[in-house]
C-alpha atoms as a PDB file:
ATOM      1  CA  MET A   1     -28.653 -16.087   5.456  1.00  0.00           C
ATOM      2  CA  ARG A   2     -25.222 -14.125   5.764  1.00  0.00           C
ATOM      3  CA  THR A   3     -23.452 -16.723   4.005  1.00  0.00           C
ATOM      4  CA  ILE A   4     -25.240 -16.393   1.178  1.00  0.00           C
ATOM      5  CA  LEU A   5     -25.025 -12.729   1.572  1.00  0.00           C
ATOM      6  CA  PHE A   6     -21.187 -12.676   1.887  1.00  0.00           C
ATOM      7  CA  ILE A   7     -20.956 -15.168  -1.355  1.00  0.00           C
ATOM      8  CA  LEU A   8     -22.854 -13.322  -3.503  1.00  0.00           C
ATOM      9  CA  PHE A   9     -20.073 -10.033  -2.291  1.00  0.00           C
ATOM     10  CA  MET A  10     -17.412 -12.068  -2.734  1.00  0.00           C
ATOM     11  CA  LEU A  11     -18.122 -13.119  -6.001  1.00  0.00           C
ATOM     12  CA  PRO A  12     -16.972 -10.216  -8.261  1.00  0.00           C
ATOM     13  CA  PHE A  13     -13.868 -10.507  -6.603  1.00  0.00           C
ATOM     14  CA  VAL A  14     -13.128 -13.985  -6.982  1.00  0.00           C
ATOM     15  CA  SER A  15     -14.329 -13.977 -10.819  1.00  0.00           C
ATOM     16  CA  ASN A  16     -11.809 -10.655 -11.639  1.00  0.00           C
ATOM     17  CA  ALA A  17      -9.056 -12.026  -9.774  1.00  0.00           C
ATOM     18  CA  GLN A  18      -9.441 -15.538 -11.880  1.00  0.00           C
ATOM     19  CA  ILE A  19      -9.899 -13.325 -15.245  1.00  0.00           C
ATOM     20  CA  ASN A  20      -6.540 -11.558 -14.308  1.00  0.00           C
ATOM     21  CA  ARG A  21      -4.712 -15.162 -13.720  1.00  0.00           C
ATOM     22  CA  SER A  22      -5.656 -16.428 -16.883  1.00  0.00           C
ATOM     23  CA  ALA A  23      -4.712 -13.438 -18.516  1.00  0.00           C
ATOM     24  CA  LYS A  24      -1.320 -13.268 -17.111  1.00  0.00           C
ATOM     25  CA  GLU A  25      -0.937 -17.242 -17.732  1.00  0.00           C
ATOM     26  CA  LEU A  26      -1.989 -16.339 -21.626  1.00  0.00           C
ATOM     27  CA  ALA A  27       0.378 -13.594 -21.693  1.00  0.00           C
ATOM     28  CA  SER A  28       3.322 -15.555 -20.460  1.00  0.00           C
ATOM     29  CA  GLU A  29       2.779 -18.627 -22.747  1.00  0.00           C
ATOM     30  CA  ARG A  30       2.671 -16.315 -25.608  1.00  0.00           C
ATOM     31  CA  ILE A  31       5.546 -14.371 -24.880  1.00  0.00           C
ATOM     32  CA  GLY A  32       7.782 -17.491 -24.392  1.00  0.00           C
ATOM     33  CA  GLU A  33       6.600 -18.965 -27.640  1.00  0.00           C
ATOM     34  CA  TYR A  34       7.414 -15.462 -29.043  1.00  0.00           C
ATOM     35  CA  ILE A  35      11.001 -15.716 -27.822  1.00  0.00           C
ATOM     36  CA  THR A  36      11.440 -19.372 -28.859  1.00  0.00           C
ATOM     37  CA  THR A  37      10.266 -18.834 -32.424  1.00  0.00           C
ATOM     38  CA  ARG A  38      11.425 -15.377 -33.460  1.00  0.00           C
ATOM     39  CA  LEU A  39      13.970 -13.896 -31.354  1.00  0.00           C
ATOM     40  CA  PHE A  40      16.340 -16.779 -30.110  1.00  0.00           C
ATOM     41  CA  LYS A  41      15.099 -19.508 -32.456  1.00  0.00           C
ATOM     42  CA  GLY A  42      16.525 -23.044 -31.386  1.00  0.00           C
ATOM     43  CA  GLN A  43      18.354 -22.007 -28.125  1.00  0.00           C
ATOM     44  CA  PRO A  44      17.302 -22.955 -24.850  1.00  0.00           C
ATOM     45  CA  TYR A  45      14.812 -20.594 -23.295  1.00  0.00           C
ATOM     46  CA  GLN A  46      14.594 -20.352 -19.252  1.00  0.00           C
ATOM     47  CA  PRO A  47      12.022 -17.689 -17.982  1.00  0.00           C
ATOM     48  CA  VAL A  48      13.207 -16.088 -14.630  1.00  0.00           C
ATOM     49  CA  LEU A  49      10.837 -13.007 -13.652  1.00  0.00           C
ATOM     50  CA  TYR A  50       7.446 -11.698 -15.330  1.00  0.00           C
ATOM     51  CA  GLY A  51       6.380  -8.989 -14.615  1.00  0.00           C
ATOM     52  CA  GLU A  52       2.859  -7.562 -13.632  1.00  0.00           C
ATOM     53  CA  LEU A  53       0.412  -7.230 -16.553  1.00  0.00           C
ATOM     54  CA  LYS A  54      -0.044  -3.434 -17.074  1.00  0.00           C
ATOM     55  CA  SER A  55      -2.818  -2.236 -19.029  1.00  0.00           C
ATOM     56  CA  VAL A  56      -2.491   0.737 -21.482  1.00  0.00           C
ATOM     57  CA  GLY A  57      -4.875   3.613 -21.159  1.00  0.00           C
ATOM     58  CA  ASP A  58      -4.935   4.583 -25.206  1.00  0.00           C
ATOM     59  CA  LYS A  59      -7.682   3.292 -26.792  1.00  0.00           C
ATOM     60  CA  LEU A  60      -6.643   4.479 -30.049  1.00  0.00           C
ATOM     61  CA  SER A  61      -3.313   2.077 -30.264  1.00  0.00           C
ATOM     62  CA  ALA A  62      -2.889  -1.510 -30.936  1.00  0.00           C
ATOM     63  CA  ILE A  63      -1.053  -2.015 -27.505  1.00  0.00           C
ATOM     64  CA  ASN A  64      -2.990  -2.501 -25.066  1.00  0.00           C
ATOM     65  CA  TRP A  65      -0.913  -4.787 -22.572  1.00  0.00           C
ATOM     66  CA  ILE A  66       2.749  -4.008 -21.200  1.00  0.00           C
ATOM     67  CA  VAL A  67       4.986  -7.080 -19.586  1.00  0.00           C
ATOM     68  CA  VAL A  68       8.301  -6.294 -18.106  1.00  0.00           C
ATOM     69  CA  HIS A  69      10.241 -10.100 -18.589  1.00  0.00           C
ATOM     70  CA  LYS A  70      13.354 -11.094 -17.247  1.00  0.00           C
ATOM     71  CA  PHE A  71      14.793 -15.027 -18.812  1.00  0.00           C
ATOM     72  CA  GLU A  72      17.912 -16.171 -19.718  1.00  0.00           C
ATOM     73  CA  ILE A  73      19.189 -18.065 -23.281  1.00  0.00           C
ATOM     74  CA  THR A  74      21.634 -20.763 -22.963  1.00  0.00           C
ATOM     75  CA  GLU A  75      24.002 -20.055 -25.466  1.00  0.00           C
ATOM     76  CA  THR A  76      26.737 -22.970 -26.838  1.00  0.00           C
ATOM     77  CA  PRO A  77      29.649 -21.672 -28.024  1.00  0.00           C
ATOM     78  CA  LYS A  78      32.764 -23.434 -29.613  1.00  0.00           C
ATOM     79  CA  VAL A  79      36.077 -22.711 -28.051  1.00  0.00           C
ATOM     80  CA  ASP A  80      39.072 -24.411 -28.966  1.00  0.00           C
ATOM     81  CA  ASP A  81      36.883 -27.528 -30.030  1.00  0.00           C
ATOM     82  CA  LYS A  82      34.941 -27.378 -26.681  1.00  0.00           C
ATOM     83  CA  THR A  83      31.516 -26.534 -26.146  1.00  0.00           C
ATOM     84  CA  THR A  84      30.468 -24.924 -23.329  1.00  0.00           C
ATOM     85  CA  ALA A  85      27.297 -23.464 -21.825  1.00  0.00           C
ATOM     86  CA  ILE A  86      26.568 -20.002 -20.819  1.00  0.00           C
ATOM     87  CA  ARG A  87      23.589 -18.214 -19.705  1.00  0.00           C
ATOM     88  CA  LYS A  88      22.982 -14.396 -20.702  1.00  0.00           C
ATOM     89  CA  PRO A  89      20.490 -12.932 -18.929  1.00  0.00           C
ATOM     90  CA  TYR A  90      18.105 -10.510 -20.736  1.00  0.00           C
ATOM     91  CA  LYS A  91      15.514  -8.064 -20.095  1.00  0.00           C
ATOM     92  CA  PHE A  92      12.671  -7.681 -22.605  1.00  0.00           C
ATOM     93  CA  VAL A  93       9.372  -5.389 -22.758  1.00  0.00           C
ATOM     94  CA  PHE A  94       6.532  -7.219 -24.491  1.00  0.00           C
ATOM     95  CA  TYR A  95       3.685  -4.963 -26.295  1.00  0.00           C
ATOM     96  CA  LEU A  96       0.629  -7.351 -26.348  1.00  0.00           C
ATOM     97  CA  ASP A  97      -2.789  -6.752 -28.398  1.00  0.00           C
ATOM     98  CA  ASP A  98      -6.071  -6.835 -27.010  1.00  0.00           C
ATOM     99  CA  LYS A  99      -5.833 -10.585 -27.840  1.00  0.00           C
ATOM    100  CA  MET A 100      -2.362 -11.172 -25.752  1.00  0.00           C
ATOM    101  CA  LYS A 101      -0.410 -11.508 -28.772  1.00  0.00           C
ATOM    102  CA  VAL A 102       2.928  -9.904 -28.838  1.00  0.00           C
ATOM    103  CA  VAL A 103       2.732  -6.677 -31.140  1.00  0.00           C
ATOM    104  CA  ARG A 104       6.597  -5.298 -29.988  1.00  0.00           C
ATOM    105  CA  ALA A 105       9.425  -6.326 -27.962  1.00  0.00           C
ATOM    106  CA  GLU A 106      12.087  -3.925 -26.693  1.00  0.00           C
ATOM    107  CA  THR A 107      15.348  -4.810 -25.018  1.00  0.00           C
ATOM    108  CA  SER A 108      16.684  -3.302 -22.064  1.00  0.00           C
ATOM    109  CA  TYR A 109      20.117  -3.727 -20.429  1.00  0.00           C
ATOM    110  CA  SER A 110      20.122  -6.968 -17.705  1.00  0.00           C
ATOM    111  CA  GLU A 111      20.684  -5.759 -14.103  1.00  0.00           C
END
């Protein structure tokens, strides 16, 4: 009987944690797609750090979520007929709507 009560008590917490994890995974997929298709087309993308998925309290705005994301883009410039791979770090703030689609992206200086 105690086991059943404990499971019923813990069920809302476990399901809420799973929903938050799934939302963060969906947001990271959408952000990665946005970076590779719109911001840095055809350049190798390496995610470094996804920040916390934060909810925005303004219900009138199209923006519902904010994520800070650090990543690296590998550029291969030609210098004296030699190509060298240079990894440049970037830090962006991504604004997402209720369906986890990127609405806007702003850059900030990388650390």
